[in-house]
Amino acid sequence: MAEQLNQYARVHEIVPVESWRKDGVEGWLFRDRENQTIFVESSKLLGHQPAFEAS
């Protein structure tokens, strides 16, 4: 999970803050360049496949 988290953060130019549960859904809170908080579900992080990754 840590690798997916870091790849997602690099691609989207956001910084992971902490794991979070919102309305029963697990995910992560991120901050963008404008210091806005963004919630991303863990399932989206696990399904994230960067373009540079070999298949």
N, C-alpha and C. Protein backbone atom coordinates (compact mmCIF):
# COMPACT_ATOMS: atom_id res chain seq x y z
N MET A 1 0.82 -1.19 0.00
CA MET A 1 0.00 0.00 0.00
C MET A 1 0.86 1.25 0.00
N ALA A 2 1.98 1.24 0.69
CA ALA A 2 2.84 2.42 0.75
C ALA A 2 3.34 2.82 -0.62
N GLU A 3 3.70 1.84 -1.45
CA GLU A 3 4.19 2.14 -2.80
C GLU A 3 3.09 2.78 -3.65
N GLN A 4 1.88 2.24 -3.59
CA GLN A 4 0.76 2.81 -4.34
C GLN A 4 0.45 4.23 -3.86
N LEU A 5 0.53 4.43 -2.56
CA LEU A 5 0.28 5.75 -1.98
C LEU A 5 1.28 6.77 -2.51
N ASN A 6 2.55 6.41 -2.49
CA ASN A 6 3.59 7.32 -2.97
C ASN A 6 3.50 7.58 -4.47
N GLN A 7 3.20 6.55 -5.26
CA GLN A 7 3.05 6.73 -6.70
C GLN A 7 1.87 7.66 -7.01
N TYR A 8 0.76 7.44 -6.34
CA TYR A 8 -0.43 8.26 -6.56
C TYR A 8 -0.11 9.72 -6.22
N ALA A 9 0.57 9.94 -5.11
CA ALA A 9 0.91 11.29 -4.68
C ALA A 9 1.83 11.97 -5.69
N ARG A 10 2.82 11.24 -6.21
CA ARG A 10 3.74 11.83 -7.21
C ARG A 10 3.01 12.21 -8.49
N VAL A 11 2.20 11.30 -8.99
CA VAL A 11 1.49 11.54 -10.25
C VAL A 11 0.54 12.73 -10.14
N HIS A 12 -0.15 12.85 -9.02
CA HIS A 12 -1.15 13.90 -8.85
C HIS A 12 -0.61 15.14 -8.14
N GLU A 13 0.68 15.14 -7.84
CA GLU A 13 1.35 16.27 -7.18
C GLU A 13 0.62 16.71 -5.92
N ILE A 14 0.36 15.72 -5.06
CA ILE A 14 -0.26 15.97 -3.77
C ILE A 14 0.56 15.26 -2.69
N VAL A 15 0.32 15.63 -1.44
CA VAL A 15 1.09 15.09 -0.32
C VAL A 15 0.16 14.30 0.59
N PRO A 16 0.51 13.02 0.89
CA PRO A 16 -0.33 12.26 1.83
C PRO A 16 -0.21 12.83 3.24
N VAL A 17 -1.35 12.93 3.93
CA VAL A 17 -1.37 13.48 5.28
C VAL A 17 -1.61 12.38 6.31
N GLU A 18 -2.72 11.65 6.16
CA GLU A 18 -3.03 10.57 7.10
C GLU A 18 -4.12 9.67 6.54
N SER A 19 -4.17 8.45 7.08
CA SER A 19 -5.26 7.56 6.69
C SER A 19 -6.53 8.06 7.37
N TRP A 20 -7.67 7.79 6.73
CA TRP A 20 -8.91 8.36 7.21
C TRP A 20 -10.07 7.45 6.85
N ARG A 21 -11.11 7.50 7.63
CA ARG A 21 -12.35 6.76 7.33
C ARG A 21 -13.46 7.80 7.22
N LYS A 22 -14.12 7.82 6.05
CA LYS A 22 -15.18 8.79 5.80
C LYS A 22 -16.44 8.03 5.39
N ASP A 23 -17.49 8.18 6.15
CA ASP A 23 -18.77 7.50 5.87
C ASP A 23 -18.58 6.00 5.68
N GLY A 24 -17.73 5.40 6.50
CA GLY A 24 -17.50 3.96 6.43
C GLY A 24 -16.55 3.51 5.34
N VAL A 25 -15.96 4.45 4.60
CA VAL A 25 -15.04 4.13 3.51
C VAL A 25 -13.63 4.51 3.94
N GLU A 26 -12.70 3.55 3.83
CA GLU A 26 -11.31 3.84 4.20
C GLU A 26 -10.58 4.50 3.05
N GLY A 27 -9.68 5.41 3.40
CA GLY A 27 -8.92 6.11 2.38
C GLY A 27 -7.82 6.94 3.00
N TRP A 28 -7.35 7.91 2.23
CA TRP A 28 -6.27 8.79 2.68
C TRP A 28 -6.64 10.23 2.44
N LEU A 29 -6.19 11.09 3.36
CA LEU A 29 -6.31 12.53 3.16
C LEU A 29 -5.00 13.01 2.55
N PHE A 30 -5.12 13.83 1.52
CA PHE A 30 -3.97 14.44 0.87
C PHE A 30 -4.13 15.95 0.92
N ARG A 31 -3.03 16.66 0.71
CA ARG A 31 -3.07 18.12 0.56
C ARG A 31 -2.44 18.47 -0.78
N ASP A 32 -3.08 19.42 -1.48
CA ASP A 32 -2.53 19.86 -2.76
C ASP A 32 -1.71 21.13 -2.55
N ARG A 33 -1.25 21.71 -3.66
CA ARG A 33 -0.40 22.91 -3.58
C ARG A 33 -1.09 24.09 -2.93
N GLU A 34 -2.41 24.16 -3.05
CA GLU A 34 -3.17 25.26 -2.45
C GLU A 34 -3.57 24.94 -1.01
N ASN A 35 -3.03 23.85 -0.46
CA ASN A 35 -3.29 23.41 0.91
C ASN A 35 -4.74 22.96 1.12
N GLN A 36 -5.40 22.53 0.03
CA GLN A 36 -6.74 21.99 0.13
C GLN A 36 -6.65 20.51 0.47
N THR A 37 -7.59 20.04 1.27
CA THR A 37 -7.63 18.63 1.66
C THR A 37 -8.43 17.85 0.63
N ILE A 38 -7.89 16.69 0.23
CA ILE A 38 -8.52 15.82 -0.75
C ILE A 38 -8.61 14.42 -0.14
N PHE A 39 -9.78 13.80 -0.21
CA PHE A 39 -9.96 12.43 0.27
C PHE A 39 -9.95 11.49 -0.92
N VAL A 40 -9.12 10.43 -0.85
CA VAL A 40 -9.05 9.43 -1.91
C VAL A 40 -9.28 8.06 -1.27
N GLU A 41 -10.25 7.32 -1.82
CA GLU A 41 -10.56 5.99 -1.31
C GLU A 41 -9.38 5.05 -1.52
N SER A 42 -9.17 4.15 -0.57
CA SER A 42 -8.08 3.17 -0.68
C SER A 42 -8.22 2.32 -1.93
N SER A 43 -9.45 2.00 -2.34
CA SER A 43 -9.64 1.18 -3.54
C SER A 43 -9.11 1.88 -4.78
N LYS A 44 -9.20 3.21 -4.83
CA LYS A 44 -8.65 3.96 -5.97
C LYS A 44 -7.12 3.93 -5.94
N LEU A 45 -6.55 3.97 -4.75
CA LEU A 45 -5.09 3.90 -4.64
C LEU A 45 -4.58 2.54 -5.08
N LEU A 46 -5.28 1.49 -4.69
CA LEU A 46 -4.85 0.14 -5.04
C LEU A 46 -5.03 -0.13 -6.53
N GLY A 47 -6.00 0.51 -7.15
CA GLY A 47 -6.25 0.32 -8.57
C GLY A 47 -5.44 1.23 -9.46
N HIS A 48 -4.68 2.15 -8.87
CA HIS A 48 -3.90 3.13 -9.63
C HIS A 48 -2.71 2.45 -10.31
N GLN A 49 -2.62 2.59 -11.62
CA GLN A 49 -1.51 2.02 -12.38
C GLN A 49 -0.82 3.14 -13.15
N PRO A 50 0.31 3.61 -12.69
CA PRO A 50 1.01 4.68 -13.40
C PRO A 50 1.45 4.24 -14.79
N ALA A 51 1.52 5.18 -15.71
CA ALA A 51 1.85 4.89 -17.10
C ALA A 51 3.26 4.34 -17.26
N PHE A 52 4.17 4.70 -16.36
CA PHE A 52 5.56 4.27 -16.50
C PHE A 52 5.80 2.86 -15.98
N GLU A 53 4.83 2.25 -15.35
CA GLU A 53 5.01 0.91 -14.79
C GLU A 53 4.91 -0.15 -15.89
N ALA A 54 5.89 -1.04 -15.95
CA ALA A 54 5.88 -2.11 -16.96
C ALA A 54 4.85 -3.16 -16.60
N SER A 55 4.21 -3.73 -17.64
CA SER A 55 3.19 -4.75 -17.36
C SER A 55 3.77 -6.13 -17.39
